Amino acid sequence: MPLSAEAKLRVVVVGGGTAGWMTAAALARLLPDHCSVHLVESEAIGVVGVGEATLPHIRAFNERLGIDEAEFMARTRATFKLGIEFRDWGRIGDSYIHPFGTFGRGSGAVDFHHYWTRLLHEGKPLPSLDSLSYACALARGGKFDRPATDRTLAGTYGYAYQFDALLFAPYLRQIAEEAGARRTEGTVASVERDGERGDIAAIILDSGERIEGNLFVDCSGFRSLLLGSALEEPFVDWSHWLPTDRAVAMPCRTRTAVTPYTSAIAMPSGWRWRIPLQHRTGNGYVYASAFVSDDDARYALETAVEGEALAAPRVLRFKAGRRRRSWVGNCVAIGLASGFLEPLESTSIYLVQQAITALIELFPERHISENDRDEFNRVIDLEYDRIRDFLILHYHATTRSDSPFWDYVRTMPIPDTLSEKLDLWRTRARIVKYREGVFLDPSWVAVYLGQGIVPEGWDPRVDTVATDALLASVEALRTEIAGDVARRPDHRSFIQRYCAMAQAA
């Protein structure tokens, strides 16, 4: 039942950027009868703006807000993304793709990787694992097409986007304001708290304006002005497991193919991203400052990228971890104000989306419930913790010993939760399954096998299939995928027909 204007919860969002405007747009569009939305941001405060790669979940977020895909892609200069290519991770010279799709046909009583594991142990000559995933084959071929809606091989994958984050926030701002959200330009000078409960009562801007609210959403980035500074919620530091703490970023003109995937190329003290957009290519070197200087990292990036630089390299500083709780009192932190996990698997915008989804599902009626807060924190903590383990796996599952950085991550102690996952995989090729969490079985399989962790055993039902029959089936699968992918459009051609940036004018 719609509430009167006086009865609606007054939501104050502190900070714009991707997190702030995603939050404002979602609340204004999806809960117009339950809250008013007032966003405060300062144009004088820069945004990080390099998170250009996403996961397929963003499509559901955009659809829920009624965003037209072609218009969104044109406005944000977006390209399609079928997965992430990893180069030189397990060892120098290796390359594999973590696809947004399955390996094999995506159905059956026994997962495909069990058959693959048996054939590896038998020492049979095999095609690449990438050639047995429709998403990987599309990506390697520079092709793109929408997934089929039936149970054929062409329906065994999904896709995400690679877009200009500096264009995404203004696009969302327009949507939010059209839905009734208000925006105030200004910098937060102080935070006023309720003397009895300790909740936030209002924020005071540098202009002297006082803005009251019932629920405050902290989207202030690494500064975490409300949750971290005002409410002093502790930060749980994970830098001993994820030691990369800086990135140098630099866009350049695109001179090579606009690939339908993001590349993560291992470097001596971290890794380098390559994200092709319609109008430029995003580049960055994520590194551990304990192992390389800023100047050397900057030089390494400048010499590695292709194409003319469009801006000077800039250094970003961060620390891996999360706040102990993301919702405290009447303050919810979303995005970097809640925590940070490096962009290796493009999870930053996903974590923003999941926090917004959880907030909407647990949105207060009139009073904030402790049970709702606890459930929100449980869900968000699990998302961070399970992504953390997945990221650590990439570093730890390596044979590289060519630099002090790779020696450290290869030999470092890892969380018990990841040790348990590794043990289960190594013994029986099994993936730990959860009801919640972003990365499903094919994601773990891609990294495990892509970085050389071959299980010792497999599902015994696999042994009922004769070796010759199994090899013939694998080759038939490879041939079918290759033939079908060959008929699909070129990625650039698909974009030109569907969502070229010229349409955004």
Protein backbone atom coordinates (compact mmCIF):
# COMPACT_ATOMS: atom_id res chain seq x y z
CA MET A 1 0.00 0.00 0.00
CA PRO A 2 1.52 3.38 -0.99
CA LEU A 3 2.62 5.56 1.90
CA SER A 4 2.03 9.27 2.25
CA ALA A 5 4.96 11.57 1.55
CA GLU A 6 5.38 12.11 5.29
CA ALA A 7 5.41 8.37 6.04
CA LYS A 8 7.96 7.42 3.40
CA LEU A 9 11.47 6.64 4.58
CA ARG A 10 13.86 9.42 3.68
CA VAL A 11 16.89 7.77 2.11
CA VAL A 12 20.04 9.86 1.84
CA VAL A 13 22.73 8.50 -0.49
CA VAL A 14 26.17 9.98 0.16
CA GLY A 15 28.35 9.80 -2.93
CA GLY A 16 27.63 9.43 -6.63
CA GLY A 17 29.68 7.40 -9.06
CA THR A 18 28.56 3.95 -10.12
CA ALA A 19 27.56 2.73 -6.64
CA GLY A 20 25.65 5.88 -5.69
CA TRP A 21 23.66 6.23 -8.87
CA MET A 22 22.97 2.50 -9.16
CA THR A 23 21.52 2.70 -5.64
CA ALA A 24 19.52 5.86 -6.29
CA ALA A 25 18.13 4.60 -9.59
CA ALA A 26 17.11 1.22 -8.14
CA LEU A 27 15.40 2.66 -5.05
CA ALA A 28 13.63 5.41 -6.99
CA ARG A 29 12.46 3.03 -9.71
CA LEU A 30 11.57 -0.01 -7.62
CA LEU A 31 10.38 1.46 -4.30
CA PRO A 32 8.74 4.78 -5.23
CA ASP A 33 5.86 4.22 -2.79
CA HIS A 34 8.12 3.41 0.15
CA CYS A 35 10.93 5.96 0.09
CA SER A 36 12.20 9.27 -1.16
CA VAL A 37 15.77 9.36 -2.46
CA HIS A 38 18.17 12.27 -1.97
CA LEU A 39 21.71 11.86 -3.31
CA VAL A 40 24.57 14.13 -2.25
CA GLU A 41 27.77 14.27 -4.27
CA SER A 42 30.56 16.69 -5.09
CA GLU A 43 31.96 17.20 -8.55
CA ALA A 44 35.19 18.25 -6.87
CA ILE A 45 35.71 14.68 -5.63
CA GLY A 46 36.87 12.36 -8.37
CA VAL A 47 35.54 8.86 -8.92
CA VAL A 48 37.63 5.73 -9.43
CA GLY A 49 35.99 5.12 -12.79
CA VAL A 50 38.11 2.21 -14.04
CA GLY A 51 35.71 -0.65 -13.28
CA GLU A 52 34.72 -1.24 -16.86
CA ALA A 53 34.19 -5.03 -16.91
CA THR A 54 31.14 -6.77 -15.45
CA LEU A 55 29.52 -10.14 -14.81
CA PRO A 56 26.33 -11.40 -16.51
CA HIS A 57 24.23 -10.50 -13.45
CA ILE A 58 24.22 -6.84 -14.50
CA ARG A 59 21.82 -7.73 -17.31
CA ALA A 60 19.15 -8.67 -14.77
CA PHE A 61 19.74 -5.40 -12.89
CA ASN A 62 19.35 -3.34 -16.06
CA GLU A 63 16.26 -5.26 -17.15
CA ARG A 64 14.68 -4.75 -13.74
CA LEU A 65 15.14 -1.01 -14.12
CA GLY A 66 13.64 -1.11 -17.61
CA ILE A 67 16.92 -0.16 -19.31
CA ASP A 68 17.05 -0.83 -23.05
CA GLU A 69 20.19 -2.82 -23.79
CA ALA A 70 21.08 -1.24 -27.12
CA GLU A 71 20.62 2.29 -25.79
CA PHE A 72 22.64 1.50 -22.65
CA MET A 73 25.49 0.04 -24.70
CA ALA A 74 25.53 2.97 -27.10
CA ARG A 75 25.49 5.53 -24.28
CA THR A 76 28.30 3.82 -22.36
CA ARG A 77 30.36 2.82 -25.45
CA ALA A 78 29.98 -0.80 -24.39
CA THR A 79 31.15 -4.04 -25.94
CA PHE A 80 30.06 -7.59 -25.13
CA LYS A 81 31.95 -9.84 -22.73
CA LEU A 82 31.89 -13.65 -22.85
CA GLY A 83 34.48 -14.27 -20.15
CA ILE A 84 37.98 -13.45 -18.96
CA GLU A 85 41.21 -14.60 -20.57
CA PHE A 86 44.07 -15.44 -18.19
CA ARG A 87 47.59 -15.43 -19.57
CA ASP A 88 50.76 -16.63 -17.80
CA TRP A 89 49.03 -17.43 -14.50
CA GLY A 90 49.70 -21.12 -13.87
CA ARG A 91 53.00 -20.80 -15.70
CA ILE A 92 54.45 -18.48 -18.33
CA GLY A 93 53.06 -19.32 -21.75
CA ASP A 94 49.72 -20.70 -20.52
CA SER A 95 46.41 -19.20 -21.58
CA TYR A 96 42.84 -20.12 -20.69
CA ILE A 97 39.44 -18.46 -20.57
CA HIS A 98 37.08 -18.37 -17.61
CA PRO A 99 33.81 -18.46 -19.60
CA PHE A 100 30.34 -17.24 -18.80
CA GLY A 101 29.06 -20.68 -19.72
CA THR A 102 29.54 -24.39 -19.36
CA PHE A 103 32.10 -26.89 -20.59
CA GLY A 104 30.56 -29.65 -22.67
CA ARG A 105 26.84 -29.70 -23.33
CA GLY A 106 25.84 -28.36 -19.98
CA SER A 107 23.62 -31.24 -18.97
CA GLY A 108 23.91 -34.83 -17.87
CA ALA A 109 24.08 -36.86 -14.70
CA VAL A 110 27.86 -36.37 -14.45
CA ASP A 111 29.60 -33.05 -15.08
CA PHE A 112 31.83 -32.90 -18.14
CA HIS A 113 35.03 -32.21 -16.21
CA HIS A 114 34.94 -35.69 -14.67
CA TYR A 115 35.21 -37.26 -18.14
CA TRP A 116 37.95 -34.78 -19.01
CA THR A 117 39.90 -35.66 -15.87
CA ARG A 118 39.80 -39.37 -16.68
CA LEU A 119 41.12 -38.75 -20.20
CA LEU A 120 43.94 -36.59 -18.85
CA HIS A 121 45.01 -39.42 -16.56
CA GLU A 122 44.94 -41.85 -19.47
CA GLY A 123 47.35 -39.58 -21.36
CA LYS A 124 45.18 -39.34 -24.45
CA PRO A 125 45.77 -36.55 -27.02
CA LEU A 126 43.00 -34.04 -26.42
CA PRO A 127 41.80 -30.76 -27.91
CA SER A 128 42.05 -27.69 -25.70
CA LEU A 129 39.48 -27.37 -22.94
CA ASP A 130 38.54 -23.94 -24.33
CA SER A 131 37.44 -25.58 -27.60
CA LEU A 132 34.87 -27.61 -25.66
CA SER A 133 33.08 -24.56 -24.26
CA TYR A 134 30.79 -22.63 -26.60
CA ALA A 135 31.51 -19.34 -24.79
CA CYS A 136 35.28 -19.87 -25.01
CA ALA A 137 35.11 -20.78 -28.69
CA LEU A 138 33.08 -17.66 -29.46
CA ALA A 139 35.54 -15.53 -27.51
CA ARG A 140 38.63 -17.05 -29.14
CA GLY A 141 37.08 -16.55 -32.54
CA GLY A 142 36.22 -12.89 -31.91
CA LYS A 143 32.55 -13.71 -32.49
CA PHE A 144 29.34 -12.76 -30.73
CA ASP A 145 25.69 -13.65 -30.92
CA ARG A 146 22.87 -13.76 -28.41
CA PRO A 147 22.51 -17.11 -26.64
CA ALA A 148 19.82 -19.44 -27.92
CA THR A 149 16.79 -19.93 -25.69
CA ASP A 150 16.63 -23.68 -26.24
CA ARG A 151 18.77 -26.55 -24.90
CA THR A 152 21.23 -26.56 -27.81
CA LEU A 153 24.95 -25.81 -27.45
CA ALA A 154 24.25 -22.22 -28.50
CA GLY A 155 22.21 -21.84 -25.33
CA THR A 156 24.97 -22.91 -22.91
CA TYR A 157 26.45 -19.47 -22.25
CA GLY A 158 25.66 -15.98 -21.03
CA TYR A 159 27.31 -12.60 -21.47
CA ALA A 160 28.12 -9.36 -19.71
CA TYR A 161 29.41 -5.95 -20.80
CA GLN A 162 32.62 -3.97 -20.98
CA PHE A 163 31.76 -0.27 -20.71
CA ASP A 164 33.04 3.17 -19.77
CA ALA A 165 32.31 3.54 -16.06
CA LEU A 166 32.60 7.34 -16.31
CA LEU A 167 29.62 7.29 -18.69
CA PHE A 168 27.56 4.76 -16.73
CA ALA A 169 26.97 6.98 -13.67
CA PRO A 170 25.56 9.96 -15.65
CA TYR A 171 23.31 7.57 -17.56
CA LEU A 172 21.96 6.16 -14.29
CA ARG A 173 21.61 9.67 -12.87
CA GLN A 174 19.18 10.55 -15.65
CA ILE A 175 17.13 7.43 -14.88
CA ALA A 176 17.15 8.13 -11.14
CA GLU A 177 16.12 11.76 -11.47
CA GLU A 178 13.35 10.88 -13.92
CA ALA A 179 12.07 8.47 -11.25
CA GLY A 180 12.03 11.22 -8.62
CA ALA A 181 15.45 11.11 -6.97
CA ARG A 182 16.90 14.47 -5.90
CA ARG A 183 20.54 15.49 -6.19
CA THR A 184 22.44 18.06 -4.13
CA GLU A 185 25.92 19.25 -5.00
CA GLY A 186 28.14 19.49 -1.96
CA THR A 187 30.79 17.98 0.26
CA VAL A 188 29.98 16.40 3.63
CA ALA A 189 31.65 18.48 6.36
CA SER A 190 30.33 16.60 9.39
CA VAL A 191 27.93 13.90 10.49
CA GLU A 192 25.33 14.51 13.19
CA ARG A 193 24.39 11.50 15.31
CA ASP A 194 21.44 10.75 17.56
CA GLY A 195 22.63 11.05 21.14
CA GLU A 196 20.46 8.20 22.41
CA ARG A 197 20.78 5.49 19.74
CA GLY A 198 23.96 6.57 18.01
CA ASP A 199 22.26 6.49 14.60
CA ILE A 200 22.99 9.11 11.99
CA ALA A 201 20.49 11.96 12.25
CA ALA A 202 21.78 14.22 9.51
CA ILE A 203 24.76 15.18 7.40
CA ILE A 204 26.06 18.75 7.33
CA LEU A 205 27.47 20.01 4.04
CA ASP A 206 30.32 22.46 3.64
CA SER A 207 27.70 25.01 2.59
CA GLY A 208 26.07 24.66 6.00
CA GLU A 209 23.03 22.83 4.64
CA ARG A 210 21.70 20.15 6.97
CA ILE A 211 20.14 17.07 5.36
CA GLU A 212 18.11 14.74 7.57
CA GLY A 213 17.24 11.16 6.79
CA ASN A 214 15.88 7.90 8.19
CA LEU A 215 18.26 5.64 6.25
CA PHE A 216 21.72 6.68 5.05
CA VAL A 217 23.51 4.83 2.25
CA ASP A 218 27.27 5.30 2.24
CA CYS A 219 28.56 5.28 -1.34
CA SER A 220 31.52 7.54 -0.58
CA GLY A 221 34.12 5.12 -1.91
CA PHE A 222 37.33 4.25 -0.13
CA ARG A 223 36.80 7.17 2.28
CA SER A 224 33.77 5.40 3.79
CA LEU A 225 32.66 8.69 5.34
CA LEU A 226 29.65 7.34 7.20
CA LEU A 227 30.29 3.69 8.05
CA GLY A 228 34.07 3.87 8.43
CA SER A 229 34.72 7.41 9.68
CA ALA A 230 31.55 8.45 11.52
CA LEU A 231 30.43 5.05 12.88
CA GLU A 232 33.99 3.66 13.16
CA GLU A 233 33.08 0.21 11.86
CA PRO A 234 36.35 -1.82 11.79
CA PHE A 235 37.97 -2.89 8.52
CA VAL A 236 38.91 -6.58 8.15
CA ASP A 237 42.27 -6.57 6.33
CA TRP A 238 42.89 -9.35 3.79
CA SER A 239 46.08 -7.94 2.28
CA HIS A 240 48.14 -10.88 3.59
CA TRP A 241 46.14 -13.08 1.17
CA LEU A 242 45.62 -10.51 -1.58
CA PRO A 243 48.80 -8.40 -1.46
CA THR A 244 48.16 -6.25 -4.54
CA ASP A 245 47.45 -2.78 -3.15
CA ARG A 246 47.85 -0.41 -6.09
CA ALA A 247 46.96 -0.04 -9.74
CA VAL A 248 48.24 2.24 -12.46
CA ALA A 249 45.61 2.86 -15.15
CA MET A 250 45.93 4.30 -18.65
CA PRO A 251 43.49 4.22 -21.59
CA CYS A 252 44.73 4.01 -25.18
CA ARG A 253 43.41 4.03 -28.71
CA THR A 254 42.25 0.64 -29.89
CA ARG A 255 44.49 -0.68 -32.67
CA THR A 256 43.79 -4.39 -32.41
CA ALA A 257 40.61 -6.49 -32.48
CA VAL A 258 37.79 -5.51 -30.16
CA THR A 259 37.71 -8.81 -28.32
CA PRO A 260 34.48 -10.03 -26.66
CA TYR A 261 36.37 -10.75 -23.45
CA THR A 262 38.54 -9.09 -20.82
CA SER A 263 42.21 -10.07 -20.59
CA ALA A 264 44.14 -10.51 -17.33
CA ILE A 265 47.83 -10.90 -18.14
CA ALA A 266 50.14 -11.89 -15.29
CA MET A 267 53.06 -9.53 -14.65
CA PRO A 268 56.16 -9.91 -12.41
CA SER A 269 54.42 -8.25 -9.42
CA GLY A 270 50.73 -8.64 -10.20
CA TRP A 271 48.69 -8.58 -13.40
CA ARG A 272 47.60 -6.31 -16.24
CA TRP A 273 44.06 -5.78 -17.50
CA ARG A 274 42.99 -5.12 -21.08
CA ILE A 275 39.36 -4.08 -21.63
CA PRO A 276 38.34 -3.15 -25.20
CA LEU A 277 35.49 -0.64 -25.54
CA GLN A 278 33.93 0.85 -28.66
CA HIS A 279 36.05 4.01 -28.51
CA ARG A 280 39.18 3.00 -26.61
CA THR A 281 40.92 0.22 -24.69
CA GLY A 282 41.21 0.33 -20.91
CA ASN A 283 44.55 -0.80 -19.48
CA GLY A 284 45.91 -1.13 -15.99
CA TYR A 285 48.58 -2.86 -13.94
CA VAL A 286 47.40 -4.16 -10.56
CA TYR A 287 50.49 -4.67 -8.40
CA ALA A 288 51.86 -5.15 -4.90
CA SER A 289 53.85 -2.09 -3.83
CA ALA A 290 55.98 -4.30 -1.56
CA PHE A 291 57.45 -5.88 -4.70
CA VAL A 292 57.61 -3.05 -7.28
CA SER A 293 57.78 0.76 -7.16
CA ASP A 294 55.11 3.04 -8.63
CA ASP A 295 57.57 4.32 -11.23
CA ASP A 296 58.56 0.84 -12.35
CA ALA A 297 54.91 -0.26 -12.49
CA ARG A 298 54.05 2.80 -14.57
CA TYR A 299 56.90 2.08 -16.98
CA ALA A 300 55.91 -1.59 -17.25
CA LEU A 301 52.36 -0.61 -18.22
CA GLU A 302 53.44 2.03 -20.72
CA THR A 303 55.73 -0.42 -22.51
CA ALA A 304 53.18 -3.26 -22.52
CA VAL A 305 50.07 -1.61 -23.97
CA GLU A 306 49.34 -1.26 -27.66
CA GLY A 307 48.03 1.96 -29.16
CA GLU A 308 48.46 5.66 -28.45
CA ALA A 309 47.93 6.69 -24.83
CA LEU A 310 44.84 8.88 -24.31
CA ALA A 311 45.78 10.04 -20.81
CA ALA A 312 48.73 9.99 -18.48
CA PRO A 313 48.99 6.94 -16.20
CA ARG A 314 47.44 7.48 -12.78
CA VAL A 315 48.06 5.48 -9.64
CA LEU A 316 45.23 4.21 -7.43
CA ARG A 317 45.79 2.94 -3.89
CA PHE A 318 43.60 0.38 -2.11
CA LYS A 319 43.56 -2.43 0.41
CA ALA A 320 41.78 -5.77 0.10
CA GLY A 321 39.16 -6.49 2.74
CA ARG A 322 35.74 -5.47 3.99
CA ARG A 323 34.06 -3.73 6.88
CA ARG A 324 33.17 -6.11 9.70
CA ARG A 325 29.52 -5.20 9.03
CA SER A 326 28.09 -3.37 6.04
CA TRP A 327 24.85 -2.27 7.75
CA VAL A 328 25.20 -0.63 11.16
CA GLY A 329 22.37 1.27 12.82
CA ASN A 330 20.62 3.23 10.08
CA CYS A 331 23.63 3.27 7.75
CA VAL A 332 24.21 0.85 4.86
CA ALA A 333 27.53 0.91 2.99
CA ILE A 334 27.50 -0.09 -0.67
CA GLY A 335 30.47 -0.41 -2.99
CA LEU A 336 33.97 0.63 -1.95
CA ALA A 337 32.66 2.10 1.32
CA SER A 338 31.76 -1.48 2.30
CA GLY A 339 34.89 -3.24 1.08
CA PHE A 340 37.24 -3.82 -1.80
CA LEU A 341 38.29 -6.88 -3.74
CA GLU A 342 40.63 -6.26 -6.65
CA PRO A 343 39.12 -6.31 -10.16
CA LEU A 344 40.63 -9.65 -11.24
CA GLU A 345 37.21 -11.27 -11.74
CA SER A 346 35.19 -8.09 -12.39
CA THR A 347 33.22 -8.39 -9.16
CA SER A 348 33.06 -4.73 -8.01
CA ILE A 349 29.82 -3.79 -9.77
CA TYR A 350 28.38 -7.23 -8.96
CA LEU A 351 28.92 -6.56 -5.22
CA VAL A 352 27.20 -3.21 -5.57
CA GLN A 353 24.28 -4.89 -7.31
CA GLN A 354 24.00 -7.62 -4.68
CA ALA A 355 23.98 -5.09 -1.86
CA ILE A 356 21.25 -3.08 -3.59
CA THR A 357 19.22 -6.24 -4.18
CA ALA A 358 19.54 -7.28 -0.54
CA LEU A 359 18.62 -3.78 0.64
CA ILE A 360 15.48 -3.74 -1.51
CA GLU A 361 14.46 -7.21 -0.30
CA LEU A 362 15.02 -6.21 3.33
CA PHE A 363 13.91 -2.60 3.02
CA PRO A 364 12.48 -1.23 6.30
CA GLU A 365 8.77 -0.58 6.48
CA ARG A 366 8.74 2.02 9.24
CA HIS A 367 11.48 0.94 11.62
CA ILE A 368 14.80 -0.74 10.93
CA SER A 369 14.75 -4.30 12.20
CA GLU A 370 17.80 -5.86 13.79
CA ASN A 371 16.91 -9.13 12.05
CA ASP A 372 16.95 -7.41 8.66
CA ARG A 373 20.33 -5.87 9.42
CA ASP A 374 21.75 -9.21 10.48
CA GLU A 375 20.47 -10.96 7.37
CA PHE A 376 21.86 -8.24 5.11
CA ASN A 377 25.27 -8.51 6.75
CA ARG A 378 25.22 -12.31 6.53
CA VAL A 379 24.49 -12.23 2.80
CA ILE A 380 27.06 -9.55 1.99
CA ASP A 381 29.75 -11.15 4.16
CA LEU A 382 29.28 -14.46 2.33
CA GLU A 383 29.58 -12.75 -1.04
CA TYR A 384 32.85 -11.08 -0.05
CA ASP A 385 34.29 -14.17 1.63
CA ARG A 386 33.57 -16.54 -1.26
CA ILE A 387 34.84 -14.13 -3.89
CA ARG A 388 37.96 -13.65 -1.74
CA ASP A 389 38.67 -17.39 -1.86
CA PHE A 390 38.18 -17.49 -5.63
CA LEU A 391 40.61 -14.62 -6.14
CA ILE A 392 43.23 -16.14 -3.85
CA LEU A 393 43.01 -19.38 -5.87
CA HIS A 394 44.26 -17.59 -9.00
CA TYR A 395 47.43 -16.47 -7.24
CA HIS A 396 48.07 -19.57 -5.15
CA ALA A 397 47.48 -22.11 -7.93
CA THR A 398 50.71 -21.41 -9.80
CA THR A 399 54.04 -23.06 -10.41
CA ARG A 400 55.71 -19.71 -11.11
CA SER A 401 58.85 -18.92 -9.12
CA ASP A 402 60.34 -16.31 -11.44
CA SER A 403 59.84 -13.32 -9.13
CA PRO A 404 59.57 -12.62 -5.38
CA PHE A 405 55.87 -11.78 -5.79
CA TRP A 406 54.97 -15.15 -7.35
CA ASP A 407 57.11 -16.96 -4.79
CA TYR A 408 55.12 -15.26 -2.04
CA VAL A 409 51.61 -16.01 -3.34
CA ARG A 410 52.51 -19.58 -4.32
CA THR A 411 53.79 -20.44 -0.82
CA MET A 412 51.59 -18.24 1.41
CA PRO A 413 49.14 -19.78 3.90
CA ILE A 414 45.57 -19.67 2.57
CA PRO A 415 42.17 -19.56 4.32
CA ASP A 416 40.83 -22.86 5.65
CA THR A 417 37.74 -22.39 3.51
CA LEU A 418 39.87 -22.42 0.36
CA SER A 419 42.01 -25.33 1.59
CA GLU A 420 38.84 -27.40 1.99
CA LYS A 421 37.73 -26.55 -1.56
CA LEU A 422 41.14 -27.48 -2.96
CA ASP A 423 41.23 -30.79 -1.07
CA LEU A 424 37.81 -31.80 -2.36
CA TRP A 425 38.81 -30.93 -5.91
CA ARG A 426 42.18 -32.69 -5.79
CA THR A 427 40.78 -35.95 -4.46
CA ARG A 428 37.49 -36.37 -6.36
CA ALA A 429 37.15 -33.47 -8.84
CA ARG A 430 34.24 -32.13 -6.80
CA ILE A 431 33.21 -28.50 -6.46
CA VAL A 432 31.91 -27.17 -3.16
CA LYS A 433 28.32 -26.09 -3.81
CA TYR A 434 26.57 -23.20 -2.09
CA ARG A 435 23.08 -21.79 -2.25
CA GLU A 436 24.55 -18.26 -2.28
CA GLY A 437 27.57 -16.89 -4.09
CA VAL A 438 28.44 -15.74 -7.57
CA PHE A 439 30.83 -18.32 -9.02
CA LEU A 440 29.33 -21.68 -9.99
CA ASP A 441 31.01 -24.95 -10.97
CA PRO A 442 32.30 -23.98 -14.46
CA SER A 443 34.11 -20.96 -13.01
CA TRP A 444 36.05 -23.08 -10.52
CA VAL A 445 36.71 -25.76 -13.14
CA ALA A 446 38.15 -23.16 -15.52
CA VAL A 447 40.67 -21.90 -12.97
CA TYR A 448 41.53 -25.28 -11.45
CA LEU A 449 42.25 -26.94 -14.79
CA GLY A 450 43.45 -23.76 -16.49
CA GLN A 451 46.16 -23.39 -13.87
CA GLY A 452 47.17 -27.02 -13.84
CA ILE A 453 45.44 -28.53 -10.80
CA VAL A 454 44.39 -31.93 -12.15
CA PRO A 455 42.32 -34.05 -9.73
CA GLU A 456 43.57 -37.46 -8.64
CA GLY A 457 40.13 -39.06 -8.99
CA TRP A 458 36.75 -38.57 -10.60
CA ASP A 459 33.13 -39.69 -10.43
CA PRO A 460 33.17 -43.53 -10.77
CA ARG A 461 30.20 -43.45 -13.17
CA VAL A 462 32.62 -42.10 -15.78
CA ASP A 463 34.34 -45.51 -15.91
CA THR A 464 31.31 -47.12 -17.54
CA VAL A 465 32.13 -45.37 -20.84
CA ALA A 466 34.74 -46.97 -23.13
CA THR A 467 37.78 -44.81 -23.86
CA ASP A 468 37.31 -44.89 -27.65
CA ALA A 469 33.69 -43.86 -27.33
CA LEU A 470 34.61 -41.05 -24.94
CA LEU A 471 37.33 -39.71 -27.26
CA ALA A 472 34.95 -39.85 -30.21
CA SER A 473 32.33 -37.94 -28.23
CA VAL A 474 34.83 -35.24 -27.26
CA GLU A 475 35.96 -34.79 -30.87
CA ALA A 476 32.35 -34.66 -32.09
CA LEU A 477 31.64 -31.97 -29.51
CA ARG A 478 34.65 -29.90 -30.58
CA THR A 479 33.67 -30.19 -34.24
CA GLU A 480 30.06 -29.20 -33.59
CA ILE A 481 31.04 -26.16 -31.52
CA ALA A 482 33.65 -25.02 -34.05
CA GLY A 483 31.24 -25.37 -36.96
CA ASP A 484 28.44 -23.49 -35.24
CA VAL A 485 30.70 -20.71 -33.96
CA ALA A 486 32.12 -20.20 -37.46
CA ARG A 487 28.65 -19.15 -38.63
CA ARG A 488 28.23 -16.51 -35.92
CA PRO A 489 28.78 -12.78 -36.58
CA ASP A 490 32.04 -10.99 -35.91
CA HIS A 491 31.91 -9.15 -32.57
CA ARG A 492 32.61 -5.72 -34.06
CA SER A 493 30.06 -6.27 -36.83
CA PHE A 494 27.38 -7.25 -34.31
CA ILE A 495 28.04 -4.07 -32.32
CA GLN A 496 27.92 -1.88 -35.43
CA ARG A 497 24.49 -3.26 -36.33
CA TYR A 498 23.09 -3.29 -32.82
CA CYS A 499 24.52 -0.60 -30.56
CA ALA A 500 27.29 1.44 -32.17
CA MET A 501 28.19 4.58 -30.24
CA ALA A 502 27.08 6.79 -33.14
CA GLN A 503 23.51 5.92 -32.12
CA ALA A 504 24.06 7.64 -28.78
CA ALA A 505 24.12 11.13 -30.29
